[in-house]
Amino acid sequence: MLFKTAAVAWKSLPTWYLLSQNDRIIPPETQQMLANRMKATTISVVSSYVSIVSHSF
């Protein structure tokens, strides 16, 4: 059975993006473009791809 949704949460809930400045897999410019497209609050750190692991807030 399929159900239709009235609204999707990701369109109305706030979002955040942790931008890794030294990422060699996803360029920082691409990360910024994705964050802007998501309308996310961006936090930038000097870190590699695994910044979520190496930077505890």
Protein backbone atom coordinates (compact mmCIF):
# COMPACT_ATOMS: atom_id res chain seq x y z
CA MET A 1 0.00 0.00 0.00
CA LEU A 2 1.33 3.45 -0.91
CA PHE A 3 0.69 6.59 1.07
CA LYS A 4 1.00 10.14 -0.25
CA THR A 5 2.64 12.72 1.95
CA ALA A 6 1.14 16.12 2.50
CA ALA A 7 4.49 17.83 3.08
CA VAL A 8 8.15 16.85 3.21
CA ALA A 9 10.09 17.79 6.34
CA TRP A 10 13.34 18.73 4.61
CA LYS A 11 11.64 21.69 2.95
CA SER A 12 10.60 23.32 6.23
CA LEU A 13 13.12 22.19 8.88
CA PRO A 14 16.41 24.08 9.39
CA THR A 15 19.56 22.41 8.06
CA TRP A 16 23.28 22.72 8.76
CA TYR A 17 26.33 21.89 6.68
CA LEU A 18 29.86 21.28 7.98
CA LEU A 19 32.16 22.47 5.20
CA SER A 20 35.62 20.84 5.21
CA GLN A 21 38.14 23.27 3.73
CA ASN A 22 40.89 20.66 3.10
CA ASP A 23 38.62 18.03 1.58
CA ARG A 24 40.26 16.35 -1.42
CA ILE A 25 37.22 14.23 -2.30
CA ILE A 26 34.48 16.89 -2.50
CA PRO A 27 35.93 20.31 -3.34
CA PRO A 28 34.99 23.08 -0.88
CA GLU A 29 33.38 25.04 -3.73
CA THR A 30 31.05 22.11 -4.44
CA GLN A 31 30.26 21.75 -0.74
CA GLN A 32 29.37 25.46 -0.59
CA MET A 33 27.15 25.13 -3.65
CA LEU A 34 25.32 22.18 -2.06
CA ALA A 35 24.92 24.03 1.24
CA ASN A 36 23.53 27.08 -0.57
CA ARG A 37 21.10 24.91 -2.51
CA MET A 38 19.92 23.38 0.79
CA LYS A 39 19.65 26.87 2.32
CA ALA A 40 21.76 25.47 5.16
CA THR A 41 23.56 27.27 7.94
CA THR A 42 27.23 26.62 7.12
CA ILE A 43 30.07 26.01 9.55
CA SER A 44 33.52 25.91 7.95
CA VAL A 45 36.46 24.04 9.49
CA VAL A 46 40.06 23.51 8.40
CA SER A 47 39.89 19.76 8.08
CA SER A 48 39.90 16.87 5.65
CA TYR A 49 36.96 14.79 4.43
CA VAL A 50 36.26 13.26 7.87
CA SER A 51 35.77 16.58 9.69
CA ILE A 52 32.66 15.29 11.45
CA VAL A 53 34.90 12.72 13.18
CA SER A 54 37.93 14.90 13.87
CA HIS A 55 36.04 18.00 15.09
CA SER A 56 33.75 17.52 18.06
CA PHE A 57 31.66 20.56 18.84
